Amino acid sequence: MTNRVAPALLLLAIASPALAQEASSASRPEWWVDVNVASHHFESADDYLGPGTHFNQNNYGAGVEVQWQPRHAASVGYFRNSVYEDSWYALYHYTPLSLGRHVRLGAMVGLVSGYPGYNNGNAAPAGALVAKAEYRRVGLNLIYLPRIPGSTPNTLGLQLKFKLSP
């Protein structure tokens, strides 16, 4: 198996129990397609990737997200990451704070692969803050990754969402 396929299978295997549990415990889960669009890095790539380099700000990819309660969701997917590598992810979303009817705030935790300077590109722990805005059949996830000295700059990511279930 290639180095790129193995992490994807690992991430899907880890996410499968959460997805199966949600199907049995929820009366009506919501299924979404997540489309990764872009990121913005608040620091220079020179400090992380070397002089004269640039972060990839166009992080195209797609995934699936299932929400079984307003506060609980899980997602798996693929995107082209900020260091021009393929990344796979499996994440649990917990959004306990509500700002009105359509916006929720919280965090995401799980695994991500594809970052050579982080566990040699293999699946590794990941965490971020998230703001979710959803209205009828469309939405967005605004994802904030805090700075980790020597590893990750402050980064803001954007996913568009399209609801599959009624």
C-alpha atoms as a PDB file:
ATOM      1  CA  MET A   1       0.000   0.000   0.000  1.00  0.00           C
ATOM      2  CA  THR A   2       1.298   3.474  -0.774  1.00  0.00           C
ATOM      3  CA  ASN A   3       2.178   5.952   1.956  1.00  0.00           C
ATOM      4  CA  ARG A   4      -0.805   8.062   0.882  1.00  0.00           C
ATOM      5  CA  VAL A   5      -3.454   5.317   0.884  1.00  0.00           C
ATOM      6  CA  ALA A   6      -2.555   3.783   4.260  1.00  0.00           C
ATOM      7  CA  PRO A   7      -3.272   6.961   6.285  1.00  0.00           C
ATOM      8  CA  ALA A   8      -6.613   7.371   4.500  1.00  0.00           C
ATOM      9  CA  LEU A   9      -7.666   3.832   5.378  1.00  0.00           C
ATOM     10  CA  LEU A  10      -6.524   4.342   8.972  1.00  0.00           C
ATOM     11  CA  LEU A  11      -8.530   7.554   9.268  1.00  0.00           C
ATOM     12  CA  LEU A  12     -11.652   5.959   7.801  1.00  0.00           C
ATOM     13  CA  ALA A  13     -11.312   2.972  10.119  1.00  0.00           C
ATOM     14  CA  ILE A  14     -11.088   5.257  13.137  1.00  0.00           C
ATOM     15  CA  ALA A  15     -14.095   7.319  12.017  1.00  0.00           C
ATOM     16  CA  SER A  16     -16.318   4.327  11.178  1.00  0.00           C
ATOM     17  CA  PRO A  17     -17.344   3.455  14.755  1.00  0.00           C
ATOM     18  CA  ALA A  18     -18.416   7.067  15.397  1.00  0.00           C
ATOM     19  CA  LEU A  19     -20.446   7.113  12.202  1.00  0.00           C
ATOM     20  CA  ALA A  20     -22.065   3.760  13.006  1.00  0.00           C
ATOM     21  CA  GLN A  21     -22.948   4.836  16.554  1.00  0.00           C
ATOM     22  CA  GLU A  22     -24.543   8.023  15.289  1.00  0.00           C
ATOM     23  CA  ALA A  23     -26.764   6.061  12.938  1.00  0.00           C
ATOM     24  CA  SER A  24     -28.100   3.927  15.784  1.00  0.00           C
ATOM     25  CA  SER A  25     -28.550   6.700  18.359  1.00  0.00           C
ATOM     26  CA  ALA A  26     -30.006   9.484  16.229  1.00  0.00           C
ATOM     27  CA  SER A  27     -33.564   9.796  15.061  1.00  0.00           C
ATOM     28  CA  ARG A  28     -32.580  11.730  11.955  1.00  0.00           C
ATOM     29  CA  PRO A  29     -28.909  12.479  11.245  1.00  0.00           C
ATOM     30  CA  GLU A  30     -27.985  15.287   8.876  1.00  0.00           C
ATOM     31  CA  TRP A  31     -25.496  14.411   6.144  1.00  0.00           C
ATOM     32  CA  TRP A  32     -23.425  17.137   4.506  1.00  0.00           C
ATOM     33  CA  VAL A  33     -20.822  17.316   1.755  1.00  0.00           C
ATOM     34  CA  ASP A  34     -17.938  19.537   2.899  1.00  0.00           C
ATOM     35  CA  VAL A  35     -15.906  21.297   0.209  1.00  0.00           C
ATOM     36  CA  ASN A  36     -12.526  22.586   1.342  1.00  0.00           C
ATOM     37  CA  VAL A  37     -11.857  25.923  -0.318  1.00  0.00           C
ATOM     38  CA  ALA A  38      -9.059  28.012   1.135  1.00  0.00           C
ATOM     39  CA  SER A  39      -6.885  28.943   4.065  1.00  0.00           C
ATOM     40  CA  HIS A  40      -5.122  32.061   5.236  1.00  0.00           C
ATOM     41  CA  HIS A  41      -1.868  31.881   7.160  1.00  0.00           C
ATOM     42  CA  PHE A  42      -1.157  34.795   9.483  1.00  0.00           C
ATOM     43  CA  GLU A  43       2.613  34.307   9.422  1.00  0.00           C
ATOM     44  CA  SER A  44       5.290  34.003   6.749  1.00  0.00           C
ATOM     45  CA  ALA A  45       6.054  30.597   5.287  1.00  0.00           C
ATOM     46  CA  ASP A  46       9.753  31.486   5.564  1.00  0.00           C
ATOM     47  CA  ASP A  47       9.598  30.727   9.290  1.00  0.00           C
ATOM     48  CA  TYR A  48       8.091  27.271   8.731  1.00  0.00           C
ATOM     49  CA  LEU A  49       9.096  26.054   5.266  1.00  0.00           C
ATOM     50  CA  GLY A  50      12.291  27.978   4.582  1.00  0.00           C
ATOM     51  CA  PRO A  51      13.268  31.208   2.822  1.00  0.00           C
ATOM     52  CA  GLY A  52      11.445  32.079  -0.401  1.00  0.00           C
ATOM     53  CA  THR A  53       8.652  29.550   0.097  1.00  0.00           C
ATOM     54  CA  HIS A  54       4.907  30.159   0.169  1.00  0.00           C
ATOM     55  CA  PHE A  55       1.980  28.395   1.765  1.00  0.00           C
ATOM     56  CA  ASN A  56      -0.675  26.891  -0.479  1.00  0.00           C
ATOM     57  CA  GLN A  57      -3.727  29.031   0.294  1.00  0.00           C
ATOM     58  CA  ASN A  58      -6.016  27.040  -2.072  1.00  0.00           C
ATOM     59  CA  ASN A  59      -6.713  23.884  -0.097  1.00  0.00           C
ATOM     60  CA  TYR A  60      -9.211  22.197  -2.393  1.00  0.00           C
ATOM     61  CA  GLY A  61     -10.768  18.943  -1.280  1.00  0.00           C
ATOM     62  CA  ALA A  62     -13.985  17.299  -0.178  1.00  0.00           C
ATOM     63  CA  GLY A  63     -15.396  15.226   2.611  1.00  0.00           C
ATOM     64  CA  VAL A  64     -18.558  14.069   4.276  1.00  0.00           C
ATOM     65  CA  GLU A  65     -19.910  15.284   7.607  1.00  0.00           C
ATOM     66  CA  VAL A  66     -22.662  13.716   9.661  1.00  0.00           C
ATOM     67  CA  GLN A  67     -24.376  15.581  12.499  1.00  0.00           C
ATOM     68  CA  TRP A  68     -26.488  13.513  14.870  1.00  0.00           C
ATOM     69  CA  GLN A  69     -27.289  16.305  17.331  1.00  0.00           C
ATOM     70  CA  PRO A  70     -26.759  20.043  16.989  1.00  0.00           C
ATOM     71  CA  ARG A  71     -23.663  19.777  19.191  1.00  0.00           C
ATOM     72  CA  HIS A  72     -22.150  16.568  17.809  1.00  0.00           C
ATOM     73  CA  ALA A  73     -20.792  15.701  14.354  1.00  0.00           C
ATOM     74  CA  ALA A  74     -17.992  13.753  12.676  1.00  0.00           C
ATOM     75  CA  SER A  75     -16.277  14.216   9.336  1.00  0.00           C
ATOM     76  CA  VAL A  76     -13.840  12.428   7.059  1.00  0.00           C
ATOM     77  CA  GLY A  77     -12.266  13.701   3.883  1.00  0.00           C
ATOM     78  CA  TYR A  78      -9.354  14.786   1.733  1.00  0.00           C
ATOM     79  CA  PHE A  79      -7.720  18.134   0.866  1.00  0.00           C
ATOM     80  CA  ARG A  80      -4.521  19.480  -0.675  1.00  0.00           C
ATOM     81  CA  ASN A  81      -2.805  20.974   2.355  1.00  0.00           C
ATOM     82  CA  SER A  82      -0.840  24.165   2.931  1.00  0.00           C
ATOM     83  CA  VAL A  83       2.504  22.502   2.188  1.00  0.00           C
ATOM     84  CA  TYR A  84       1.293  21.145  -1.188  1.00  0.00           C
ATOM     85  CA  GLU A  85       0.767  17.586   0.063  1.00  0.00           C
ATOM     86  CA  ASP A  86      -2.306  15.323   0.105  1.00  0.00           C
ATOM     87  CA  SER A  87      -4.054  15.198   3.492  1.00  0.00           C
ATOM     88  CA  TRP A  88      -6.741  12.886   4.851  1.00  0.00           C
ATOM     89  CA  TYR A  89      -8.675  13.662   8.008  1.00  0.00           C
ATOM     90  CA  ALA A  90     -11.126  12.122  10.476  1.00  0.00           C
ATOM     91  CA  LEU A  91     -12.565  14.569  13.024  1.00  0.00           C
ATOM     92  CA  TYR A  92     -15.113  14.731  15.808  1.00  0.00           C
ATOM     93  CA  HIS A  93     -16.889  18.120  16.120  1.00  0.00           C
ATOM     94  CA  TYR A  94     -18.263  19.394  19.413  1.00  0.00           C
ATOM     95  CA  THR A  95     -20.070  22.750  19.169  1.00  0.00           C
ATOM     96  CA  PRO A  96     -21.768  23.513  22.503  1.00  0.00           C
ATOM     97  CA  LEU A  97     -22.108  27.280  22.067  1.00  0.00           C
ATOM     98  CA  SER A  98     -24.965  28.705  20.038  1.00  0.00           C
ATOM     99  CA  LEU A  99     -25.144  32.205  18.551  1.00  0.00           C
ATOM    100  CA  GLY A 100     -28.743  32.364  17.513  1.00  0.00           C
ATOM    101  CA  ARG A 101     -30.410  29.679  15.450  1.00  0.00           C
ATOM    102  CA  HIS A 102     -27.857  29.228  12.671  1.00  0.00           C
ATOM    103  CA  VAL A 103     -24.374  29.581  14.207  1.00  0.00           C
ATOM    104  CA  ARG A 104     -22.554  27.203  16.562  1.00  0.00           C
ATOM    105  CA  LEU A 105     -19.067  27.487  18.080  1.00  0.00           C
ATOM    106  CA  GLY A 106     -16.797  24.780  19.399  1.00  0.00           C
ATOM    107  CA  ALA A 107     -13.854  22.567  18.545  1.00  0.00           C
ATOM    108  CA  MET A 108     -12.776  19.692  16.310  1.00  0.00           C
ATOM    109  CA  VAL A 109     -10.370  16.895  17.304  1.00  0.00           C
ATOM    110  CA  GLY A 110      -9.119  13.842  15.470  1.00  0.00           C
ATOM    111  CA  LEU A 111      -6.422  12.805  13.031  1.00  0.00           C
ATOM    112  CA  VAL A 112      -4.856  14.361   9.940  1.00  0.00           C
ATOM    113  CA  SER A 113      -2.139  13.092   7.613  1.00  0.00           C
ATOM    114  CA  GLY A 114       0.085  14.639   4.964  1.00  0.00           C
ATOM    115  CA  TYR A 115       2.334  17.045   6.851  1.00  0.00           C
ATOM    116  CA  PRO A 116       5.976  15.920   6.431  1.00  0.00           C
ATOM    117  CA  GLY A 117       7.176  17.926   9.455  1.00  0.00           C
ATOM    118  CA  TYR A 118       4.468  16.446  11.680  1.00  0.00           C
ATOM    119  CA  ASN A 119       4.823  12.704  12.357  1.00  0.00           C
ATOM    120  CA  ASN A 120       6.597  12.295   8.992  1.00  0.00           C
ATOM    121  CA  GLY A 121       3.341  12.868   7.109  1.00  0.00           C
ATOM    122  CA  ASN A 122       1.577   9.934   8.769  1.00  0.00           C
ATOM    123  CA  ALA A 123      -1.711  10.231  10.652  1.00  0.00           C
ATOM    124  CA  ALA A 124      -1.251  12.491  13.669  1.00  0.00           C
ATOM    125  CA  PRO A 125      -3.451  14.209  16.282  1.00  0.00           C
ATOM    126  CA  ALA A 126      -5.221  17.375  15.149  1.00  0.00           C
ATOM    127  CA  GLY A 127      -7.321  20.009  16.849  1.00  0.00           C
ATOM    128  CA  ALA A 128      -8.937  23.292  15.894  1.00  0.00           C
ATOM    129  CA  LEU A 129     -11.625  25.753  16.892  1.00  0.00           C
ATOM    130  CA  VAL A 130     -14.657  25.887  14.597  1.00  0.00           C
ATOM    131  CA  ALA A 131     -17.543  28.238  13.844  1.00  0.00           C
ATOM    132  CA  LYS A 132     -20.376  26.568  11.929  1.00  0.00           C
ATOM    133  CA  ALA A 133     -23.033  28.557  10.109  1.00  0.00           C
ATOM    134  CA  GLU A 134     -25.905  26.574   8.590  1.00  0.00           C
ATOM    135  CA  TYR A 135     -29.066  27.746   6.909  1.00  0.00           C
ATOM    136  CA  ARG A 136     -31.430  25.258   5.315  1.00  0.00           C
ATOM    137  CA  ARG A 137     -29.285  23.279   2.828  1.00  0.00           C
ATOM    138  CA  VAL A 138     -26.084  25.365   2.796  1.00  0.00           C
ATOM    139  CA  GLY A 139     -23.479  26.295   5.347  1.00  0.00           C
ATOM    140  CA  LEU A 140     -19.845  26.886   6.108  1.00  0.00           C
ATOM    141  CA  ASN A 141     -17.227  25.829   8.602  1.00  0.00           C
ATOM    142  CA  LEU A 142     -14.697  28.481   9.577  1.00  0.00           C
ATOM    143  CA  ILE A 143     -11.777  26.629  11.149  1.00  0.00           C
ATOM    144  CA  TYR A 144      -9.041  28.236  13.257  1.00  0.00           C
ATOM    145  CA  LEU A 145      -5.788  26.378  13.873  1.00  0.00           C
ATOM    146  CA  PRO A 146      -3.724  28.060  16.598  1.00  0.00           C
ATOM    147  CA  ARG A 147       0.006  28.612  16.252  1.00  0.00           C
ATOM    148  CA  ILE A 148       2.234  25.767  17.381  1.00  0.00           C
ATOM    149  CA  PRO A 149       5.802  27.148  17.570  1.00  0.00           C
ATOM    150  CA  GLY A 150       8.062  25.537  14.990  1.00  0.00           C
ATOM    151  CA  SER A 151       5.198  23.547  13.484  1.00  0.00           C
ATOM    152  CA  THR A 152       2.082  25.525  12.484  1.00  0.00           C
ATOM    153  CA  PRO A 153       1.283  29.230  12.060  1.00  0.00           C
ATOM    154  CA  ASN A 154      -2.043  30.774  13.057  1.00  0.00           C
ATOM    155  CA  THR A 155      -4.293  29.611  10.217  1.00  0.00           C
ATOM    156  CA  LEU A 156      -7.888  30.200   9.215  1.00  0.00           C
ATOM    157  CA  GLY A 157      -9.568  27.640   6.920  1.00  0.00           C
ATOM    158  CA  LEU A 158     -12.865  27.722   5.051  1.00  0.00           C
ATOM    159  CA  GLN A 159     -15.152  24.835   4.114  1.00  0.00           C
ATOM    160  CA  LEU A 160     -18.447  25.247   2.262  1.00  0.00           C
ATOM    161  CA  LYS A 161     -21.204  22.754   3.138  1.00  0.00           C
ATOM    162  CA  PHE A 162     -24.149  21.343   1.224  1.00  0.00           C
ATOM    163  CA  LYS A 163     -26.802  19.257   2.993  1.00  0.00           C
ATOM    164  CA  LEU A 164     -27.573  15.866   1.476  1.00  0.00           C
ATOM    165  CA  SER A 165     -30.361  14.705   3.795  1.00  0.00           C
ATOM    166  CA  PRO A 166     -33.813  16.341   3.921  1.00  0.00           C
END
